[in-house]
Amino acid sequence: MKDGHFYAVLDAGFAICLKSDTGVQVWKEKLGGEFYSSPVMVGDRIYATNLRGKTFVYEATPARFKLLAENQLSDEVFATPSICGSRIYLRVAQRGENRQEFPYCIGNAASQTR
């Protein structure tokens, strides 16, 4: 929730913005794919990763839906991304005969906090 608006991603792959006091839908946009993980808001950005491993980054504003980036990292993601400092942590999986999970850390090593 931010500035009186609630942002969410529906299981069926839609990003939505609702007025938090009335529940009135402000906008709804198709991202694509199914979502089992929760979106994460950092500042004015929302990070949402679908089941097939694609992460969408969009702006948290009631004015309109604005997609900032799309990134494909893996075959499968069930876990919600975690944000710490300027890093994104994800647990992803490669499907196949022997499904394997891997942790990823995306960010600049020089931006570590000590």
PDB file of N, CA and C in Angstrom:
ATOM      1  N   MET A   1       0.845  -1.164   0.000  1.00  0.00           N
ATOM      2  CA  MET A   1       0.000   0.000   0.000  1.00  0.00           C
ATOM      3  C   MET A   1       0.893   1.231   0.000  1.00  0.00           C
ATOM      4  N   LYS A   2       0.477   2.222  -0.762  1.00  0.00           N
ATOM      5  CA  LYS A   2       1.252   3.459  -0.832  1.00  0.00           C
ATOM      6  C   LYS A   2       0.323   4.610  -1.190  1.00  0.00           C
ATOM      7  N   ASP A   3       0.415   5.682  -0.430  1.00  0.00           N
ATOM      8  CA  ASP A   3      -0.339   6.907  -0.703  1.00  0.00           C
ATOM      9  C   ASP A   3      -1.824   6.651  -0.971  1.00  0.00           C
ATOM     10  N   GLY A   4      -2.433   5.809  -0.145  1.00  0.00           N
ATOM     11  CA  GLY A   4      -3.866   5.562  -0.258  1.00  0.00           C
ATOM     12  C   GLY A   4      -4.267   4.591  -1.352  1.00  0.00           C
ATOM     13  N   HIS A   5      -3.300   3.876  -1.899  1.00  0.00           N
ATOM     14  CA  HIS A   5      -3.593   2.902  -2.953  1.00  0.00           C
ATOM     15  C   HIS A   5      -2.957   1.565  -2.621  1.00  0.00           C
ATOM     16  N   PHE A   6      -3.671   0.503  -2.971  1.00  0.00           N
ATOM     17  CA  PHE A   6      -3.243  -0.860  -2.737  1.00  0.00           C
ATOM     18  C   PHE A   6      -2.867  -1.478  -4.078  1.00  0.00           C
ATOM     19  N   TYR A   7      -1.683  -2.080  -4.151  1.00  0.00           N
ATOM     20  CA  TYR A   7      -1.196  -2.717  -5.374  1.00  0.00           C
ATOM     21  C   TYR A   7      -1.081  -4.217  -5.136  1.00  0.00           C
ATOM     22  N   ALA A   8      -1.523  -4.994  -6.104  1.00  0.00           N
ATOM     23  CA  ALA A   8      -1.487  -6.445  -5.958  1.00  0.00           C
ATOM     24  C   ALA A   8      -1.301  -7.089  -7.325  1.00  0.00           C
ATOM     25  N   VAL A   9      -0.956  -8.379  -7.296  1.00  0.00           N
ATOM     26  CA  VAL A   9      -0.894  -9.192  -8.505  1.00  0.00           C
ATOM     27  C   VAL A   9      -1.818 -10.383  -8.276  1.00  0.00           C
ATOM     28  N   LEU A  10      -2.726 -10.602  -9.197  1.00  0.00           N
ATOM     29  CA  LEU A  10      -3.657 -11.720  -9.092  1.00  0.00           C
ATOM     30  C   LEU A  10      -3.006 -12.997  -9.602  1.00  0.00           C
ATOM     31  N   ASP A  11      -3.441 -14.142  -9.088  1.00  0.00           N
ATOM     32  CA  ASP A  11      -2.891 -15.434  -9.511  1.00  0.00           C
ATOM     33  C   ASP A  11      -2.900 -15.588 -11.029  1.00  0.00           C
ATOM     34  N   ALA A  12      -3.908 -15.054 -11.683  1.00  0.00           N
ATOM     35  CA  ALA A  12      -4.072 -15.192 -13.134  1.00  0.00           C
ATOM     36  C   ALA A  12      -3.175 -14.250 -13.939  1.00  0.00           C
ATOM     37  N   GLY A  13      -2.319 -13.465 -13.278  1.00  0.00           N
ATOM     38  CA  GLY A  13      -1.337 -12.654 -13.990  1.00  0.00           C
ATOM     39  C   GLY A  13      -1.707 -11.214 -14.253  1.00  0.00           C
ATOM     40  N   PHE A  14      -2.634 -10.667 -13.495  1.00  0.00           N
ATOM     41  CA  PHE A  14      -2.996  -9.259 -13.643  1.00  0.00           C
ATOM     42  C   PHE A  14      -2.425  -8.441 -12.495  1.00  0.00           C
ATOM     43  N   ALA A  15      -1.842  -7.290 -12.802  1.00  0.00           N
ATOM     44  CA  ALA A  15      -1.444  -6.314 -11.791  1.00  0.00           C
ATOM     45  C   ALA A  15      -2.632  -5.375 -11.623  1.00  0.00           C
ATOM     46  N   ILE A  16      -2.955  -5.033 -10.378  1.00  0.00           N
ATOM     47  CA  ILE A  16      -4.079  -4.138 -10.134  1.00  0.00           C
ATOM     48  C   ILE A  16      -3.708  -3.055  -9.135  1.00  0.00           C
ATOM     49  N   CYS A  17      -4.418  -1.953  -9.232  1.00  0.00           N
ATOM     50  CA  CYS A  17      -4.302  -0.848  -8.284  1.00  0.00           C
ATOM     51  C   CYS A  17      -5.714  -0.520  -7.815  1.00  0.00           C
ATOM     52  N   LEU A  18      -5.906  -0.497  -6.485  1.00  0.00           N
ATOM     53  CA  LEU A  18      -7.206  -0.191  -5.887  1.00  0.00           C
ATOM     54  C   LEU A  18      -7.071   0.982  -4.937  1.00  0.00           C
ATOM     55  N   LYS A  19      -8.128   1.778  -4.820  1.00  0.00           N
ATOM     56  CA  LYS A  19      -8.156   2.808  -3.778  1.00  0.00           C
ATOM     57  C   LYS A  19      -8.331   2.073  -2.449  1.00  0.00           C
ATOM     58  N   SER A  20      -7.458   2.328  -1.492  1.00  0.00           N
ATOM     59  CA  SER A  20      -7.484   1.552  -0.250  1.00  0.00           C
ATOM     60  C   SER A  20      -8.689   1.869   0.631  1.00  0.00           C
ATOM     61  N   ASP A  21      -9.257   3.055   0.537  1.00  0.00           N
ATOM     62  CA  ASP A  21     -10.392   3.395   1.396  1.00  0.00           C
ATOM     63  C   ASP A  21     -11.728   2.889   0.861  1.00  0.00           C
ATOM     64  N   THR A  22     -11.831   2.675  -0.455  1.00  0.00           N
ATOM     65  CA  THR A  22     -13.106   2.251  -1.038  1.00  0.00           C
ATOM     66  C   THR A  22     -13.039   0.899  -1.739  1.00  0.00           C
ATOM     67  N   GLY A  23     -11.839   0.466  -2.105  1.00  0.00           N
ATOM     68  CA  GLY A  23     -11.706  -0.779  -2.862  1.00  0.00           C
ATOM     69  C   GLY A  23     -11.993  -0.619  -4.338  1.00  0.00           C
ATOM     70  N   VAL A  24     -12.228   0.595  -4.782  1.00  0.00           N
ATOM     71  CA  VAL A  24     -12.503   0.854  -6.191  1.00  0.00           C
ATOM     72  C   VAL A  24     -11.243   0.608  -7.023  1.00  0.00           C
ATOM     73  N   GLN A  25     -11.415  -0.135  -8.094  1.00  0.00           N
ATOM     74  CA  GLN A  25     -10.285  -0.431  -8.984  1.00  0.00           C
ATOM     75  C   GLN A  25      -9.905   0.810  -9.783  1.00  0.00           C
ATOM     76  N   VAL A  26      -8.627   1.156  -9.746  1.00  0.00           N
ATOM     77  CA  VAL A  26      -8.108   2.308 -10.492  1.00  0.00           C
ATOM     78  C   VAL A  26      -7.602   1.855 -11.857  1.00  0.00           C
ATOM     79  N   TRP A  27      -6.844   0.771 -11.885  1.00  0.00           N
ATOM     80  CA  TRP A  27      -6.412   0.169 -13.145  1.00  0.00           C
ATOM     81  C   TRP A  27      -6.131  -1.314 -12.951  1.00  0.00           C
ATOM     82  N   LYS A  28      -6.109  -2.022 -14.074  1.00  0.00           N
ATOM     83  CA  LYS A  28      -5.815  -3.457 -14.099  1.00  0.00           C
ATOM     84  C   LYS A  28      -5.091  -3.732 -15.404  1.00  0.00           C
ATOM     85  N   GLU A  29      -3.945  -4.422 -15.309  1.00  0.00           N
ATOM     86  CA  GLU A  29      -3.112  -4.660 -16.496  1.00  0.00           C
ATOM     87  C   GLU A  29      -2.629  -6.104 -16.511  1.00  0.00           C
ATOM     88  N   LYS A  30      -2.675  -6.738 -17.666  1.00  0.00           N
ATOM     89  CA  LYS A  30      -2.210  -8.113 -17.824  1.00  0.00           C
ATOM     90  C   LYS A  30      -0.689  -8.134 -17.895  1.00  0.00           C
ATOM     91  N   LEU A  31      -0.058  -8.893 -16.981  1.00  0.00           N
ATOM     92  CA  LEU A  31       1.390  -9.081 -17.023  1.00  0.00           C
ATOM     93  C   LEU A  31       1.738 -10.332 -17.824  1.00  0.00           C
ATOM     94  N   GLY A  32       1.019 -11.395 -17.562  1.00  0.00           N
ATOM     95  CA  GLY A  32       1.275 -12.652 -18.253  1.00  0.00           C
ATOM     96  C   GLY A  32       1.741 -13.732 -17.307  1.00  0.00           C
ATOM     97  N   GLY A  33       1.247 -14.931 -17.514  1.00  0.00           N
ATOM     98  CA  GLY A  33       1.623 -16.067 -16.692  1.00  0.00           C
ATOM     99  C   GLY A  33       0.813 -16.132 -15.414  1.00  0.00           C
ATOM    100  N   GLU A  34       1.109 -17.150 -14.621  1.00  0.00           N
ATOM    101  CA  GLU A  34       0.471 -17.321 -13.324  1.00  0.00           C
ATOM    102  C   GLU A  34       1.443 -16.880 -12.234  1.00  0.00           C
ATOM    103  N   PHE A  35       0.887 -16.391 -11.141  1.00  0.00           N
ATOM    104  CA  PHE A  35       1.701 -15.894 -10.034  1.00  0.00           C
ATOM    105  C   PHE A  35       1.369 -16.649  -8.761  1.00  0.00           C
ATOM    106  N   TYR A  36       2.390 -17.235  -8.137  1.00  0.00           N
ATOM    107  CA  TYR A  36       2.247 -17.868  -6.835  1.00  0.00           C
ATOM    108  C   TYR A  36       2.951 -17.040  -5.773  1.00  0.00           C
ATOM    109  N   SER A  37       3.922 -16.245  -6.178  1.00  0.00           N
ATOM    110  CA  SER A  37       4.653 -15.407  -5.228  1.00  0.00           C
ATOM    111  C   SER A  37       3.975 -14.042  -5.105  1.00  0.00           C
ATOM    112  N   SER A  38       4.312 -13.328  -4.051  1.00  0.00           N
ATOM    113  CA  SER A  38       3.739 -12.004  -3.802  1.00  0.00           C
ATOM    114  C   SER A  38       4.603 -10.925  -4.433  1.00  0.00           C
ATOM    115  N   PRO A  39       3.993  -9.827  -4.858  1.00  0.00           N
ATOM    116  CA  PRO A  39       4.795  -8.698  -5.334  1.00  0.00           C
ATOM    117  C   PRO A  39       5.483  -8.010  -4.158  1.00  0.00           C
ATOM    118  N   VAL A  40       6.584  -7.326  -4.451  1.00  0.00           N
ATOM    119  CA  VAL A  40       7.337  -6.602  -3.429  1.00  0.00           C
ATOM    120  C   VAL A  40       7.493  -5.157  -3.902  1.00  0.00           C
ATOM    121  N   MET A  41       7.168  -4.202  -3.019  1.00  0.00           N
ATOM    122  CA  MET A  41       7.309  -2.789  -3.356  1.00  0.00           C
ATOM    123  C   MET A  41       8.549  -2.223  -2.682  1.00  0.00           C
ATOM    124  N   VAL A  42       9.362  -1.520  -3.467  1.00  0.00           N
ATOM    125  CA  VAL A  42      10.531  -0.821  -2.962  1.00  0.00           C
ATOM    126  C   VAL A  42      10.486   0.583  -3.554  1.00  0.00           C
ATOM    127  N   GLY A  43      10.292   1.572  -2.705  1.00  0.00           N
ATOM    128  CA  GLY A  43      10.177   2.941  -3.202  1.00  0.00           C
ATOM    129  C   GLY A  43       8.976   3.059  -4.118  1.00  0.00           C
ATOM    130  N   ASP A  44       9.204   3.479  -5.345  1.00  0.00           N
ATOM    131  CA  ASP A  44       8.139   3.635  -6.333  1.00  0.00           C
ATOM    132  C   ASP A  44       8.075   2.480  -7.328  1.00  0.00           C
ATOM    133  N   ARG A  45       8.727   1.368  -7.001  1.00  0.00           N
ATOM    134  CA  ARG A  45       8.751   0.222  -7.921  1.00  0.00           C
ATOM    135  C   ARG A  45       8.160  -1.021  -7.275  1.00  0.00           C
ATOM    136  N   ILE A  46       7.495  -1.805  -8.107  1.00  0.00           N
ATOM    137  CA  ILE A  46       6.948  -3.081  -7.669  1.00  0.00           C
ATOM    138  C   ILE A  46       7.621  -4.172  -8.485  1.00  0.00           C
ATOM    139  N   TYR A  47       8.079  -5.213  -7.785  1.00  0.00           N
ATOM    140  CA  TYR A  47       8.722  -6.366  -8.408  1.00  0.00           C
ATOM    141  C   TYR A  47       7.784  -7.554  -8.242  1.00  0.00           C
ATOM    142  N   ALA A  48       7.424  -8.196  -9.346  1.00  0.00           N
ATOM    143  CA  ALA A  48       6.528  -9.346  -9.310  1.00  0.00           C
ATOM    144  C   ALA A  48       7.082 -10.420 -10.237  1.00  0.00           C
ATOM    145  N   THR A  49       7.234 -11.642  -9.711  1.00  0.00           N
ATOM    146  CA  THR A  49       7.809 -12.737 -10.484  1.00  0.00           C
ATOM    147  C   THR A  49       6.761 -13.818 -10.704  1.00  0.00           C
ATOM    148  N   ASN A  50       6.577 -14.209 -11.976  1.00  0.00           N
ATOM    149  CA  ASN A  50       5.567 -15.229 -12.264  1.00  0.00           C
ATOM    150  C   ASN A  50       6.136 -16.635 -12.113  1.00  0.00           C
ATOM    151  N   LEU A  51       5.262 -17.622 -12.210  1.00  0.00           N
ATOM    152  CA  LEU A  51       5.630 -19.017 -12.014  1.00  0.00           C
ATOM    153  C   LEU A  51       6.703 -19.484 -12.981  1.00  0.00           C
ATOM    154  N   ARG A  52       6.740 -18.929 -14.170  1.00  0.00           N
ATOM    155  CA  ARG A  52       7.711 -19.332 -15.194  1.00  0.00           C
ATOM    156  C   ARG A  52       9.021 -18.547 -15.121  1.00  0.00           C
ATOM    157  N   GLY A  53       9.250 -17.809 -14.032  1.00  0.00           N
ATOM    158  CA  GLY A  53      10.539 -17.177 -13.794  1.00  0.00           C
ATOM    159  C   GLY A  53      10.743 -15.807 -14.408  1.00  0.00           C
ATOM    160  N   LYS A  54       9.690 -15.181 -14.883  1.00  0.00           N
ATOM    161  CA  LYS A  54       9.827 -13.835 -15.435  1.00  0.00           C
ATOM    162  C   LYS A  54       9.461 -12.815 -14.359  1.00  0.00           C
ATOM    163  N   THR A  55      10.360 -11.862 -14.134  1.00  0.00           N
ATOM    164  CA  THR A  55      10.114 -10.792 -13.173  1.00  0.00           C
ATOM    165  C   THR A  55       9.724  -9.529 -13.923  1.00  0.00           C
ATOM    166  N   PHE A  56       8.650  -8.916 -13.466  1.00  0.00           N
ATOM    167  CA  PHE A  56       8.156  -7.661 -14.019  1.00  0.00           C
ATOM    168  C   PHE A  56       8.434  -6.570 -13.004  1.00  0.00           C
ATOM    169  N   VAL A  57       8.911  -5.444 -13.471  1.00  0.00           N
ATOM    170  CA  VAL A  57       9.135  -4.280 -12.613  1.00  0.00           C
ATOM    171  C   VAL A  57       8.253  -3.181 -13.165  1.00  0.00           C
ATOM    172  N   TYR A  58       7.381  -2.646 -12.312  1.00  0.00           N
ATOM    173  CA  TYR A  58       6.505  -1.570 -12.772  1.00  0.00           C
ATOM    174  C   TYR A  58       6.384  -0.496 -11.707  1.00  0.00           C
ATOM    175  N   GLU A  59       5.919   0.650 -12.129  1.00  0.00           N
ATOM    176  CA  GLU A  59       5.839   1.818 -11.269  1.00  0.00           C
ATOM    177  C   GLU A  59       4.613   1.755 -10.363  1.00  0.00           C
ATOM    178  N   ALA A  60       4.796   2.110  -9.105  1.00  0.00           N
ATOM    179  CA  ALA A  60       3.695   2.165  -8.144  1.00  0.00           C
ATOM    180  C   ALA A  60       3.073   3.551  -8.194  1.00  0.00           C
ATOM    181  N   THR A  61       2.121   3.726  -9.093  1.00  0.00           N
ATOM    182  CA  THR A  61       1.430   4.999  -9.225  1.00  0.00           C
ATOM    183  C   THR A  61      -0.019   4.740  -9.640  1.00  0.00           C
ATOM    184  N   PRO A  62      -0.954   5.466  -9.044  1.00  0.00           N
ATOM    185  CA  PRO A  62      -2.340   5.286  -9.447  1.00  0.00           C
ATOM    186  C   PRO A  62      -2.653   5.944 -10.804  1.00  0.00           C
ATOM    187  N   ALA A  63      -1.768   6.797 -11.280  1.00  0.00           N
ATOM    188  CA  ALA A  63      -2.023   7.517 -12.533  1.00  0.00           C
ATOM    189  C   ALA A  63      -2.197   6.579 -13.721  1.00  0.00           C
ATOM    190  N   ARG A  64      -1.382   5.515 -13.771  1.00  0.00           N
ATOM    191  CA  ARG A  64      -1.425   4.579 -14.892  1.00  0.00           C
ATOM    192  C   ARG A  64      -0.479   3.430 -14.591  1.00  0.00           C
ATOM    193  N   PHE A  65      -0.633   2.336 -15.326  1.00  0.00           N
ATOM    194  CA  PHE A  65       0.311   1.233 -15.245  1.00  0.00           C
ATOM    195  C   PHE A  65       1.489   1.573 -16.146  1.00  0.00           C
ATOM    196  N   LYS A  66       2.702   1.495 -15.614  1.00  0.00           N
ATOM    197  CA  LYS A  66       3.888   1.764 -16.414  1.00  0.00           C
ATOM    198  C   LYS A  66       4.913   0.667 -16.160  1.00  0.00           C
ATOM    199  N   LEU A  67       5.079  -0.219 -17.153  1.00  0.00           N
ATOM    200  CA  LEU A  67       6.064  -1.294 -17.064  1.00  0.00           C
ATOM    201  C   LEU A  67       7.453  -0.701 -17.274  1.00  0.00           C
ATOM    202  N   LEU A  68       8.379  -0.998 -16.351  1.00  0.00           N
ATOM    203  CA  LEU A  68       9.738  -0.482 -16.432  1.00  0.00           C
ATOM    204  C   LEU A  68      10.720  -1.509 -16.979  1.00  0.00           C
ATOM    205  N   ALA A  69      10.476  -2.798 -16.668  1.00  0.00           N
ATOM    206  CA  ALA A  69      11.399  -3.845 -17.125  1.00  0.00           C
ATOM    207  C   ALA A  69      10.751  -5.216 -17.017  1.00  0.00           C
ATOM    208  N   GLU A  70      11.257  -6.150 -17.823  1.00  0.00           N
ATOM    209  CA  GLU A  70      10.913  -7.568 -17.751  1.00  0.00           C
ATOM    210  C   GLU A  70      12.221  -8.344 -17.826  1.00  0.00           C
ATOM    211  N   ASN A  71      12.383  -9.325 -16.948  1.00  0.00           N
ATOM    212  CA  ASN A  71      13.614 -10.114 -16.932  1.00  0.00           C
ATOM    213  C   ASN A  71      13.291 -11.586 -16.718  1.00  0.00           C
ATOM    214  N   GLN A  72      13.822 -12.436 -17.580  1.00  0.00           N
ATOM    215  CA  GLN A  72      13.651 -13.878 -17.457  1.00  0.00           C
ATOM    216  C   GLN A  72      14.878 -14.450 -16.771  1.00  0.00           C
ATOM    217  N   LEU A  73      14.704 -15.118 -15.619  1.00  0.00           N
ATOM    218  CA  LEU A  73      15.849 -15.623 -14.882  1.00  0.00           C
ATOM    219  C   LEU A  73      15.940 -17.140 -14.899  1.00  0.00           C
ATOM    220  N   SER A  74      14.813 -17.823 -14.880  1.00  0.00           N
ATOM    221  CA  SER A  74      14.836 -19.272 -14.743  1.00  0.00           C
ATOM    222  C   SER A  74      13.577 -19.869 -15.346  1.00  0.00           C
ATOM    223  N   ASP A  75      13.390 -21.182 -15.107  1.00  0.00           N
ATOM    224  CA  ASP A  75      12.214 -21.885 -15.604  1.00  0.00           C
ATOM    225  C   ASP A  75      11.018 -21.772 -14.668  1.00  0.00           C
ATOM    226  N   GLU A  76      11.286 -21.639 -13.363  1.00  0.00           N
ATOM    227  CA  GLU A  76      10.206 -21.751 -12.395  1.00  0.00           C
ATOM    228  C   GLU A  76      10.532 -20.969 -11.131  1.00  0.00           C
ATOM    229  N   VAL A  77       9.525 -20.269 -10.607  1.00  0.00           N
ATOM    230  CA  VAL A  77       9.690 -19.526  -9.359  1.00  0.00           C
ATOM    231  C   VAL A  77       8.389 -19.607  -8.567  1.00  0.00           C
ATOM    232  N   PHE A  78       8.481 -20.103  -7.346  1.00  0.00           N
ATOM    233  CA  PHE A  78       7.341 -20.141  -6.436  1.00  0.00           C
ATOM    234  C   PHE A  78       7.518 -19.142  -5.297  1.00  0.00           C
ATOM    235  N   ALA A  79       8.756 -18.747  -5.022  1.00  0.00           N
ATOM    236  CA  ALA A  79       9.076 -17.917  -3.861  1.00  0.00           C
ATOM    237  C   ALA A  79       9.002 -16.422  -4.182  1.00  0.00           C
ATOM    238  N   THR A  80       8.622 -15.657  -3.176  1.00  0.00           N
ATOM    239  CA  THR A  80       8.575 -14.200  -3.285  1.00  0.00           C
ATOM    240  C   THR A  80       9.990 -13.640  -3.247  1.00  0.00           C
ATOM    241  N   PRO A  81      10.323 -12.685  -4.135  1.00  0.00           N
ATOM    242  CA  PRO A  81      11.650 -12.068  -4.082  1.00  0.00           C
ATOM    243  C   PRO A  81      11.845 -11.318  -2.756  1.00  0.00           C
ATOM    244  N   SER A  82      13.074 -11.253  -2.288  1.00  0.00           N
ATOM    245  CA  SER A  82      13.417 -10.479  -1.095  1.00  0.00           C
ATOM    246  C   SER A  82      14.340  -9.349  -1.523  1.00  0.00           C
ATOM    247  N   ILE A  83      14.152  -8.201  -0.920  1.00  0.00           N
ATOM    248  CA  ILE A  83      14.970  -7.035  -1.235  1.00  0.00           C
ATOM    249  C   ILE A  83      15.710  -6.629   0.033  1.00  0.00           C
ATOM    250  N   CYS A  84      17.011  -6.401  -0.106  1.00  0.00           N
ATOM    251  CA  CYS A  84      17.821  -5.924   1.015  1.00  0.00           C
ATOM    252  C   CYS A  84      18.844  -4.946   0.448  1.00  0.00           C
ATOM    253  N   GLY A  85      18.764  -3.708   0.890  1.00  0.00           N
ATOM    254  CA  GLY A  85      19.651  -2.688   0.334  1.00  0.00           C
ATOM    255  C   GLY A  85      19.361  -2.529  -1.141  1.00  0.00           C
ATOM    256  N   SER A  86      20.395  -2.642  -1.952  1.00  0.00           N
ATOM    257  CA  SER A  86      20.209  -2.514  -3.404  1.00  0.00           C
ATOM    258  C   SER A  86      20.291  -3.878  -4.088  1.00  0.00           C
ATOM    259  N   ARG A  87      19.974  -4.933  -3.347  1.00  0.00           N
ATOM    260  CA  ARG A  87      20.053  -6.288  -3.900  1.00  0.00           C
ATOM    261  C   ARG A  87      18.687  -6.968  -3.889  1.00  0.00           C
ATOM    262  N   ILE A  88      18.490  -7.823  -4.882  1.00  0.00           N
ATOM    263  CA  ILE A  88      17.294  -8.656  -4.975  1.00  0.00           C
ATOM    264  C   ILE A  88      17.741 -10.103  -4.823  1.00  0.00           C
ATOM    265  N   TYR A  89      17.085 -10.825  -3.928  1.00  0.00           N
ATOM    266  CA  TYR A  89      17.372 -12.235  -3.714  1.00  0.00           C
ATOM    267  C   TYR A  89      16.181 -13.057  -4.207  1.00  0.00           C
ATOM    268  N   LEU A  90      16.473 -14.057  -5.044  1.00  0.00           N
ATOM    269  CA  LEU A  90      15.427 -14.922  -5.582  1.00  0.00           C
ATOM    270  C   LEU A  90      15.819 -16.385  -5.439  1.00  0.00           C
ATOM    271  N   ARG A  91      14.824 -17.220  -5.216  1.00  0.00           N
ATOM    272  CA  ARG A  91      15.029 -18.670  -5.235  1.00  0.00           C
ATOM    273  C   ARG A  91      14.295 -19.189  -6.457  1.00  0.00           C
ATOM    274  N   VAL A  92      15.051 -19.741  -7.396  1.00  0.00           N
ATOM    275  CA  VAL A  92      14.506 -20.178  -8.676  1.00  0.00           C
ATOM    276  C   VAL A  92      14.792 -21.661  -8.874  1.00  0.00           C
ATOM    277  N   ALA A  93      14.154 -22.255  -9.881  1.00  0.00           N
ATOM    278  CA  ALA A  93      14.367 -23.668 -10.158  1.00  0.00           C
ATOM    279  C   ALA A  93      14.524 -23.902 -11.656  1.00  0.00           C
ATOM    280  N   GLN A  94      15.311 -24.908 -11.967  1.00  0.00           N
ATOM    281  CA  GLN A  94      15.441 -25.401 -13.336  1.00  0.00           C
ATOM    282  C   GLN A  94      14.670 -26.712 -13.383  1.00  0.00           C
ATOM    283  N   ARG A  95      13.668 -26.769 -14.228  1.00  0.00           N
ATOM    284  CA  ARG A  95      12.883 -28.002 -14.361  1.00  0.00           C
ATOM    285  C   ARG A  95      13.644 -29.017 -15.189  1.00  0.00           C
ATOM    286  N   GLY A  96      13.235 -30.239 -15.083  1.00  0.00           N
ATOM    287  CA  GLY A  96      13.873 -31.313 -15.826  1.00  0.00           C
ATOM    288  C   GLY A  96      13.718 -32.611 -15.083  1.00  0.00           C
ATOM    289  N   GLU A  97      14.498 -33.597 -15.493  1.00  0.00           N
ATOM    290  CA  GLU A  97      14.426 -34.899 -14.836  1.00  0.00           C
ATOM    291  C   GLU A  97      14.692 -34.777 -13.340  1.00  0.00           C
ATOM    292  N   ASN A  98      15.687 -33.990 -12.977  1.00  0.00           N
ATOM    293  CA  ASN A  98      16.014 -33.719 -11.578  1.00  0.00           C
ATOM    294  C   ASN A  98      15.896 -32.223 -11.338  1.00  0.00           C
ATOM    295  N   ARG A  99      14.721 -31.796 -10.905  1.00  0.00           N
ATOM    296  CA  ARG A  99      14.481 -30.375 -10.638  1.00  0.00           C
ATOM    297  C   ARG A  99      15.485 -29.883  -9.605  1.00  0.00           C
ATOM    298  N   GLN A 100      16.135 -28.747  -9.882  1.00  0.00           N
ATOM    299  CA  GLN A 100      17.117 -28.173  -8.963  1.00  0.00           C
ATOM    300  C   GLN A 100      16.765 -26.721  -8.678  1.00  0.00           C
ATOM    301  N   GLU A 101      16.901 -26.333  -7.413  1.00  0.00           N
ATOM    302  CA  GLU A 101      16.664 -24.951  -7.014  1.00  0.00           C
ATOM    303  C   GLU A 101      17.994 -24.247  -6.778  1.00  0.00           C
ATOM    304  N   PHE A 102      18.007 -22.950  -7.090  1.00  0.00           N
ATOM    305  CA  PHE A 102      19.213 -22.140  -6.944  1.00  0.00           C
ATOM    306  C   PHE A 102      18.851 -20.790  -6.348  1.00  0.00           C
ATOM    307  N   PRO A 103      19.672 -20.269  -5.434  1.00  0.00           N
ATOM    308  CA  PRO A 103      19.483 -18.895  -4.963  1.00  0.00           C
ATOM    309  C   PRO A 103      20.249 -17.942  -5.878  1.00  0.00           C
ATOM    310  N   TYR A 104      19.663 -16.803  -6.151  1.00  0.00           N
ATOM    311  CA  TYR A 104      20.320 -15.760  -6.932  1.00  0.00           C
ATOM    312  C   TYR A 104      20.334 -14.478  -6.130  1.00  0.00           C
ATOM    313  N   CYS A 105      21.410 -13.736  -6.262  1.00  0.00           N
ATOM    314  CA  CYS A 105      21.528 -12.403  -5.691  1.00  0.00           C
ATOM    315  C   CYS A 105      21.844 -11.468  -6.841  1.00  0.00           C
ATOM    316  N   ILE A 106      20.966 -10.493  -7.060  1.00  0.00           N
ATOM    317  CA  ILE A 106      21.155  -9.540  -8.157  1.00  0.00           C
ATOM    318  C   ILE A 106      21.404  -8.178  -7.536  1.00  0.00           C
ATOM    319  N   GLY A 107      22.521  -7.576  -7.884  1.00  0.00           N
ATOM    320  CA  GLY A 107      22.865  -6.278  -7.361  1.00  0.00           C
ATOM    321  C   GLY A 107      24.350  -6.026  -7.477  1.00  0.00           C
ATOM    322  N   ASN A 108      24.742  -4.861  -7.086  1.00  0.00           N
ATOM    323  CA  ASN A 108      26.119  -4.423  -7.194  1.00  0.00           C
ATOM    324  C   ASN A 108      26.871  -4.743  -5.901  1.00  0.00           C
ATOM    325  N   ALA A 109      27.960  -5.498  -6.007  1.00  0.00           N
ATOM    326  CA  ALA A 109      28.758  -5.842  -4.819  1.00  0.00           C
ATOM    327  C   ALA A 109      29.329  -4.614  -4.141  1.00  0.00           C
ATOM    328  N   ALA A 110      29.600  -3.563  -4.888  1.00  0.00           N
ATOM    329  CA  ALA A 110      30.171  -2.333  -4.318  1.00  0.00           C
ATOM    330  C   ALA A 110      29.157  -1.604  -3.446  1.00  0.00           C
ATOM    331  N   SER A 111      27.867  -1.954  -3.548  1.00  0.00           N
ATOM    332  CA  SER A 111      26.851  -1.236  -2.784  1.00  0.00           C
ATOM    333  C   SER A 111      26.499  -1.930  -1.483  1.00  0.00           C
ATOM    334  N   GLN A 112      27.337  -2.865  -1.035  1.00  0.00           N
ATOM    335  CA  GLN A 112      27.101  -3.564   0.224  1.00  0.00           C
ATOM    336  C   GLN A 112      27.108  -2.590   1.389  1.00  0.00           C
ATOM    337  N   THR A 113      26.233  -2.858   2.346  1.00  0.00           N
ATOM    338  CA  THR A 113      26.271  -2.079   3.594  1.00  0.00           C
ATOM    339  C   THR A 113      27.064  -2.887   4.607  1.00  0.00           C
ATOM    340  N   ARG A 114      27.855  -2.201   5.388  1.00  0.00           N
ATOM    341  CA  ARG A 114      28.704  -2.890   6.370  1.00  0.00           C
ATOM    342  C   ARG A 114      28.337  -2.481   7.756  1.00  0.00           C
TER     343      ARG A 114
END
